Amino acid sequence: MTHVIPGEELVPLAPTMIMPLYNLIDSPENDLIKDLKALAREVLEMLQSRMGVTAYGQVYSSVKEVVQERRRDRKHKRSIQQVADPEKAAVKKMKKHERKKVVRKEKAAEHRAKRREM
């Protein structure tokens, strides 16, 4: 796609193209998406070579700021919700604790099974 569109015309389209790639690259490491991350980095490198380092850097940093701002807003809303509705926050915390407990038990069972195999 970047070979079809000249570099100057890529600049207005770049934020739309870079946003999902940035989100993918910035997500926590997962074996299932390692190949996807490598592909996303390759696409970003192609965009950088087509657009130029300066234009790409500006667009990439603006995308990064937008993502960080969204995350800050979500975190702020969660903290406000804890104060505004403590009962709902407590229920949410209990559910989270239960999920953690289940995951811990599953991991312990896996480790027990591995030890028994040896």
N, C-alpha and C. Protein backbone atom coordinates (compact mmCIF):
# COMPACT_ATOMS: atom_id res chain seq x y z
N MET A 1 0.83 -1.19 0.00
CA MET A 1 0.00 0.00 0.00
C MET A 1 0.87 1.25 0.00
N THR A 2 1.95 1.21 0.73
CA THR A 2 2.79 2.40 0.78
C THR A 2 3.51 2.62 -0.54
N HIS A 3 3.63 1.58 -1.35
CA HIS A 3 4.28 1.73 -2.63
C HIS A 3 3.36 2.41 -3.64
N VAL A 4 2.06 2.34 -3.41
CA VAL A 4 1.09 2.92 -4.33
C VAL A 4 0.93 4.41 -4.05
N ILE A 5 0.92 4.80 -2.79
CA ILE A 5 0.68 6.19 -2.40
C ILE A 5 2.02 6.89 -2.24
N PRO A 6 2.19 8.05 -2.87
CA PRO A 6 3.44 8.80 -2.68
C PRO A 6 3.60 9.26 -1.22
N GLY A 7 4.84 9.52 -0.83
CA GLY A 7 5.15 9.89 0.54
C GLY A 7 4.43 11.11 1.05
N GLU A 8 4.25 12.12 0.18
CA GLU A 8 3.58 13.36 0.62
C GLU A 8 2.11 13.11 0.94
N GLU A 9 1.48 12.19 0.19
CA GLU A 9 0.07 11.91 0.42
C GLU A 9 -0.15 10.96 1.60
N LEU A 10 0.92 10.34 2.06
CA LEU A 10 0.82 9.43 3.21
C LEU A 10 0.67 10.19 4.53
N VAL A 11 1.19 11.40 4.58
CA VAL A 11 1.22 12.16 5.84
C VAL A 11 -0.17 12.32 6.44
N PRO A 12 -1.20 12.76 5.69
CA PRO A 12 -2.52 12.89 6.33
C PRO A 12 -3.16 11.55 6.70
N LEU A 13 -2.78 10.49 6.02
CA LEU A 13 -3.33 9.16 6.31
C LEU A 13 -2.56 8.43 7.41
N ALA A 14 -1.37 8.88 7.68
CA ALA A 14 -0.47 8.18 8.59
C ALA A 14 -1.04 7.95 9.99
N PRO A 15 -1.65 8.95 10.64
CA PRO A 15 -2.16 8.67 12.00
C PRO A 15 -3.17 7.51 12.03
N THR A 16 -4.01 7.45 11.01
CA THR A 16 -4.99 6.38 10.93
C THR A 16 -4.31 5.03 10.74
N MET A 17 -3.20 5.01 10.03
CA MET A 17 -2.49 3.77 9.77
C MET A 17 -1.61 3.37 10.96
N ILE A 18 -1.04 4.35 11.63
CA ILE A 18 -0.08 4.08 12.70
C ILE A 18 -0.77 3.70 14.01
N MET A 19 -1.95 4.24 14.28
CA MET A 19 -2.63 4.01 15.56
C MET A 19 -2.80 2.52 15.88
N PRO A 20 -3.39 1.70 15.01
CA PRO A 20 -3.53 0.28 15.39
C PRO A 20 -2.19 -0.44 15.48
N LEU A 21 -1.23 -0.03 14.66
CA LEU A 21 0.09 -0.66 14.71
C LEU A 21 0.78 -0.33 16.03
N TYR A 22 0.65 0.92 16.47
CA TYR A 22 1.24 1.33 17.75
C TYR A 22 0.60 0.54 18.90
N ASN A 23 -0.73 0.43 18.87
CA ASN A 23 -1.43 -0.31 19.93
C ASN A 23 -0.98 -1.76 19.97
N LEU A 24 -0.76 -2.34 18.81
CA LEU A 24 -0.31 -3.72 18.74
C LEU A 24 1.10 -3.88 19.29
N ILE A 25 1.98 -2.98 18.91
CA ILE A 25 3.38 -3.06 19.34
C ILE A 25 3.50 -2.77 20.84
N ASP A 26 2.68 -1.86 21.35
CA ASP A 26 2.77 -1.44 22.74
C ASP A 26 2.07 -2.41 23.70
N SER A 27 1.32 -3.38 23.17
CA SER A 27 0.61 -4.32 24.03
C SER A 27 1.59 -5.26 24.71
N PRO A 28 1.20 -5.86 25.83
CA PRO A 28 2.09 -6.78 26.54
C PRO A 28 2.49 -7.95 25.65
N GLU A 29 3.66 -8.51 25.93
CA GLU A 29 4.20 -9.61 25.13
C GLU A 29 3.30 -10.84 25.24
N ASN A 30 3.03 -11.43 24.09
CA ASN A 30 2.19 -12.61 24.03
C ASN A 30 2.71 -13.48 22.89
N ASP A 31 2.83 -14.77 23.12
CA ASP A 31 3.37 -15.66 22.09
C ASP A 31 2.51 -15.66 20.83
N LEU A 32 1.21 -15.46 21.00
CA LEU A 32 0.32 -15.51 19.85
C LEU A 32 0.50 -14.33 18.91
N ILE A 33 0.95 -13.19 19.43
CA ILE A 33 1.05 -12.02 18.57
C ILE A 33 2.49 -11.61 18.27
N LYS A 34 3.45 -12.46 18.59
CA LYS A 34 4.86 -12.12 18.31
C LYS A 34 5.07 -11.87 16.82
N ASP A 35 4.52 -12.76 15.99
CA ASP A 35 4.67 -12.60 14.55
C ASP A 35 3.97 -11.34 14.06
N LEU A 36 2.81 -11.07 14.65
CA LEU A 36 2.08 -9.87 14.27
C LEU A 36 2.86 -8.61 14.63
N LYS A 37 3.50 -8.63 15.80
CA LYS A 37 4.31 -7.48 16.22
C LYS A 37 5.46 -7.25 15.25
N ALA A 38 6.10 -8.31 14.83
CA ALA A 38 7.21 -8.18 13.88
C ALA A 38 6.71 -7.60 12.56
N LEU A 39 5.55 -8.06 12.14
CA LEU A 39 4.97 -7.54 10.90
C LEU A 39 4.59 -6.07 11.05
N ALA A 40 4.06 -5.69 12.20
CA ALA A 40 3.69 -4.30 12.45
C ALA A 40 4.94 -3.41 12.45
N ARG A 41 6.02 -3.88 13.05
CA ARG A 41 7.26 -3.10 13.03
C ARG A 41 7.77 -2.91 11.61
N GLU A 42 7.64 -3.96 10.82
CA GLU A 42 8.08 -3.89 9.42
C GLU A 42 7.25 -2.85 8.65
N VAL A 43 5.96 -2.84 8.88
CA VAL A 43 5.08 -1.87 8.22
C VAL A 43 5.44 -0.45 8.66
N LEU A 44 5.70 -0.27 9.96
CA LEU A 44 6.09 1.06 10.44
C LEU A 44 7.41 1.51 9.82
N GLU A 45 8.35 0.58 9.66
CA GLU A 45 9.62 0.94 9.01
C GLU A 45 9.40 1.35 7.56
N MET A 46 8.48 0.65 6.87
CA MET A 46 8.17 1.02 5.49
C MET A 46 7.56 2.41 5.43
N LEU A 47 6.64 2.68 6.35
CA LEU A 47 6.03 4.01 6.41
C LEU A 47 7.09 5.08 6.65
N GLN A 48 8.01 4.80 7.57
CA GLN A 48 9.05 5.77 7.89
C GLN A 48 9.93 6.03 6.67
N SER A 49 10.27 5.00 5.93
CA SER A 49 11.12 5.20 4.76
C SER A 49 10.38 5.96 3.66
N ARG A 50 9.06 5.75 3.54
CA ARG A 50 8.29 6.44 2.50
C ARG A 50 8.00 7.89 2.88
N MET A 51 7.71 8.14 4.16
CA MET A 51 7.31 9.48 4.60
C MET A 51 8.50 10.37 4.90
N GLY A 52 9.58 9.79 5.31
CA GLY A 52 10.71 10.57 5.80
C GLY A 52 10.73 10.53 7.31
N VAL A 53 11.92 10.63 7.86
CA VAL A 53 12.10 10.46 9.30
C VAL A 53 11.38 11.56 10.09
N THR A 54 11.48 12.79 9.64
CA THR A 54 10.90 13.91 10.39
C THR A 54 9.38 13.83 10.43
N ALA A 55 8.75 13.67 9.28
CA ALA A 55 7.29 13.61 9.23
C ALA A 55 6.78 12.39 10.00
N TYR A 56 7.45 11.27 9.83
CA TYR A 56 7.05 10.05 10.53
C TYR A 56 7.19 10.25 12.04
N GLY A 57 8.29 10.84 12.47
CA GLY A 57 8.51 11.07 13.89
C GLY A 57 7.43 11.93 14.51
N GLN A 58 7.02 12.97 13.79
CA GLN A 58 5.97 13.85 14.31
C GLN A 58 4.65 13.11 14.43
N VAL A 59 4.29 12.36 13.39
CA VAL A 59 3.03 11.62 13.41
C VAL A 59 3.05 10.55 14.49
N TYR A 60 4.16 9.82 14.59
CA TYR A 60 4.28 8.76 15.58
C TYR A 60 4.16 9.31 17.00
N SER A 61 4.83 10.44 17.25
CA SER A 61 4.76 11.02 18.60
C SER A 61 3.35 11.53 18.90
N SER A 62 2.65 12.07 17.90
CA SER A 62 1.27 12.52 18.15
C SER A 62 0.36 11.33 18.45
N VAL A 63 0.56 10.23 17.74
CA VAL A 63 -0.23 9.03 18.00
C VAL A 63 0.05 8.52 19.41
N LYS A 64 1.32 8.53 19.80
CA LYS A 64 1.71 8.08 21.13
C LYS A 64 1.05 8.94 22.20
N GLU A 65 1.03 10.26 21.99
CA GLU A 65 0.39 11.16 22.96
C GLU A 65 -1.10 10.88 23.06
N VAL A 66 -1.77 10.65 21.92
CA VAL A 66 -3.20 10.36 21.93
C VAL A 66 -3.48 9.09 22.73
N VAL A 67 -2.69 8.06 22.51
CA VAL A 67 -2.88 6.80 23.22
C VAL A 67 -2.66 6.99 24.72
N GLN A 68 -1.61 7.70 25.09
CA GLN A 68 -1.33 7.93 26.51
C GLN A 68 -2.44 8.76 27.15
N GLU A 69 -2.97 9.73 26.43
CA GLU A 69 -4.06 10.56 26.96
C GLU A 69 -5.31 9.70 27.19
N ARG A 70 -5.62 8.83 26.25
CA ARG A 70 -6.78 7.93 26.42
C ARG A 70 -6.60 7.05 27.65
N ARG A 71 -5.40 6.52 27.83
CA ARG A 71 -5.14 5.65 28.98
C ARG A 71 -5.28 6.43 30.28
N ARG A 72 -4.76 7.66 30.29
CA ARG A 72 -4.89 8.50 31.49
C ARG A 72 -6.36 8.77 31.80
N ASP A 73 -7.15 9.06 30.76
CA ASP A 73 -8.58 9.33 30.96
C ASP A 73 -9.29 8.11 31.55
N ARG A 74 -8.98 6.92 31.00
CA ARG A 74 -9.61 5.71 31.51
C ARG A 74 -9.25 5.47 32.97
N LYS A 75 -7.97 5.67 33.29
CA LYS A 75 -7.51 5.47 34.66
C LYS A 75 -8.20 6.46 35.60
N HIS A 76 -8.33 7.70 35.15
CA HIS A 76 -8.98 8.74 35.94
C HIS A 76 -10.45 8.39 36.18
N LYS A 77 -11.13 7.90 35.14
CA LYS A 77 -12.53 7.51 35.29
C LYS A 77 -12.69 6.37 36.28
N ARG A 78 -11.75 5.41 36.23
CA ARG A 78 -11.81 4.29 37.18
C ARG A 78 -11.63 4.78 38.62
N SER A 79 -10.69 5.70 38.81
CA SER A 79 -10.45 6.19 40.18
C SER A 79 -11.63 7.00 40.68
N ILE A 80 -12.25 7.77 39.81
CA ILE A 80 -13.43 8.55 40.21
C ILE A 80 -14.58 7.61 40.54
N GLN A 81 -14.73 6.55 39.76
CA GLN A 81 -15.80 5.59 39.99
C GLN A 81 -15.64 4.91 41.35
N GLN A 82 -14.40 4.65 41.77
CA GLN A 82 -14.18 4.03 43.07
C GLN A 82 -14.67 4.92 44.20
N VAL A 83 -14.52 6.21 44.03
CA VAL A 83 -14.97 7.14 45.07
C VAL A 83 -16.48 7.36 44.98
N ALA A 84 -16.99 7.47 43.76
CA ALA A 84 -18.40 7.76 43.57
C ALA A 84 -19.30 6.57 43.93
N ASP A 85 -18.86 5.37 43.61
CA ASP A 85 -19.67 4.18 43.87
C ASP A 85 -18.80 3.09 44.49
N PRO A 86 -18.51 3.22 45.80
CA PRO A 86 -17.60 2.27 46.44
C PRO A 86 -18.12 0.83 46.47
N GLU A 87 -19.45 0.65 46.50
CA GLU A 87 -20.00 -0.70 46.52
C GLU A 87 -19.71 -1.42 45.21
N LYS A 88 -19.90 -0.73 44.12
CA LYS A 88 -19.62 -1.32 42.81
C LYS A 88 -18.13 -1.62 42.68
N ALA A 89 -17.30 -0.71 43.18
CA ALA A 89 -15.85 -0.92 43.14
C ALA A 89 -15.46 -2.14 43.98
N ALA A 90 -16.11 -2.32 45.11
CA ALA A 90 -15.81 -3.46 45.96
C ALA A 90 -16.20 -4.77 45.28
N VAL A 91 -17.33 -4.77 44.60
CA VAL A 91 -17.76 -5.97 43.88
C VAL A 91 -16.77 -6.29 42.77
N LYS A 92 -16.33 -5.26 42.07
CA LYS A 92 -15.37 -5.44 40.99
C LYS A 92 -14.05 -5.99 41.53
N LYS A 93 -13.63 -5.47 42.68
CA LYS A 93 -12.38 -5.93 43.29
C LYS A 93 -12.50 -7.39 43.72
N MET A 94 -13.63 -7.78 44.25
CA MET A 94 -13.84 -9.17 44.67
C MET A 94 -13.80 -10.11 43.46
N LYS A 95 -14.41 -9.70 42.36
CA LYS A 95 -14.39 -10.52 41.14
C LYS A 95 -12.96 -10.68 40.64
N LYS A 96 -12.20 -9.60 40.68
CA LYS A 96 -10.81 -9.64 40.25
C LYS A 96 -10.02 -10.61 41.14
N HIS A 97 -10.26 -10.52 42.44
CA HIS A 97 -9.57 -11.41 43.38
C HIS A 97 -9.93 -12.87 43.11
N GLU A 98 -11.19 -13.14 42.82
CA GLU A 98 -11.61 -14.51 42.51
C GLU A 98 -10.94 -15.02 41.25
N ARG A 99 -10.83 -14.19 40.23
CA ARG A 99 -10.16 -14.60 38.99
C ARG A 99 -8.70 -14.93 39.26
N LYS A 100 -8.05 -14.09 40.08
CA LYS A 100 -6.65 -14.34 40.42
C LYS A 100 -6.51 -15.67 41.16
N LYS A 101 -7.44 -15.94 42.06
CA LYS A 101 -7.40 -17.17 42.83
C LYS A 101 -7.51 -18.39 41.90
N VAL A 102 -8.41 -18.32 40.94
CA VAL A 102 -8.59 -19.42 40.00
C VAL A 102 -7.33 -19.62 39.16
N VAL A 103 -6.75 -18.54 38.70
CA VAL A 103 -5.54 -18.63 37.88
C VAL A 103 -4.39 -19.23 38.70
N ARG A 104 -4.26 -18.80 39.94
CA ARG A 104 -3.22 -19.36 40.81
C ARG A 104 -3.40 -20.86 41.00
N LYS A 105 -4.64 -21.30 41.21
CA LYS A 105 -4.91 -22.73 41.39
C LYS A 105 -4.57 -23.50 40.11
N GLU A 106 -4.89 -22.93 38.95
CA GLU A 106 -4.59 -23.59 37.68
C GLU A 106 -3.08 -23.73 37.50
N LYS A 107 -2.34 -22.68 37.81
CA LYS A 107 -0.89 -22.73 37.68
C LYS A 107 -0.30 -23.76 38.64
N ALA A 108 -0.81 -23.80 39.86
CA ALA A 108 -0.32 -24.76 40.84
C ALA A 108 -0.59 -26.18 40.36
N ALA A 109 -1.76 -26.42 39.78
CA ALA A 109 -2.09 -27.75 39.26
C ALA A 109 -1.14 -28.13 38.13
N GLU A 110 -0.81 -27.16 37.25
CA GLU A 110 0.13 -27.42 36.16
C GLU A 110 1.50 -27.81 36.72
N HIS A 111 1.97 -27.06 37.71
CA HIS A 111 3.27 -27.33 38.30
C HIS A 111 3.28 -28.70 38.99
N ARG A 112 2.19 -29.03 39.69
CA ARG A 112 2.08 -30.33 40.33
C ARG A 112 2.16 -31.45 39.30
N ALA A 113 1.45 -31.26 38.19
CA ALA A 113 1.46 -32.27 37.14
C ALA A 113 2.85 -32.44 36.54
N LYS A 114 3.56 -31.33 36.35
CA LYS A 114 4.93 -31.41 35.81
C LYS A 114 5.85 -32.12 36.78
N ARG A 115 5.71 -31.84 38.08
CA ARG A 115 6.57 -32.48 39.07
C ARG A 115 6.31 -33.98 39.12
N ARG A 116 5.07 -34.38 38.96
CA ARG A 116 4.71 -35.79 39.02
C ARG A 116 5.23 -36.55 37.80
N GLU A 117 5.36 -35.85 36.66
CA GLU A 117 5.86 -36.48 35.44
C GLU A 117 7.33 -36.82 35.58
N MET A 118 8.07 -36.04 36.34
CA MET A 118 9.51 -36.24 36.46
C MET A 118 9.81 -37.46 37.20
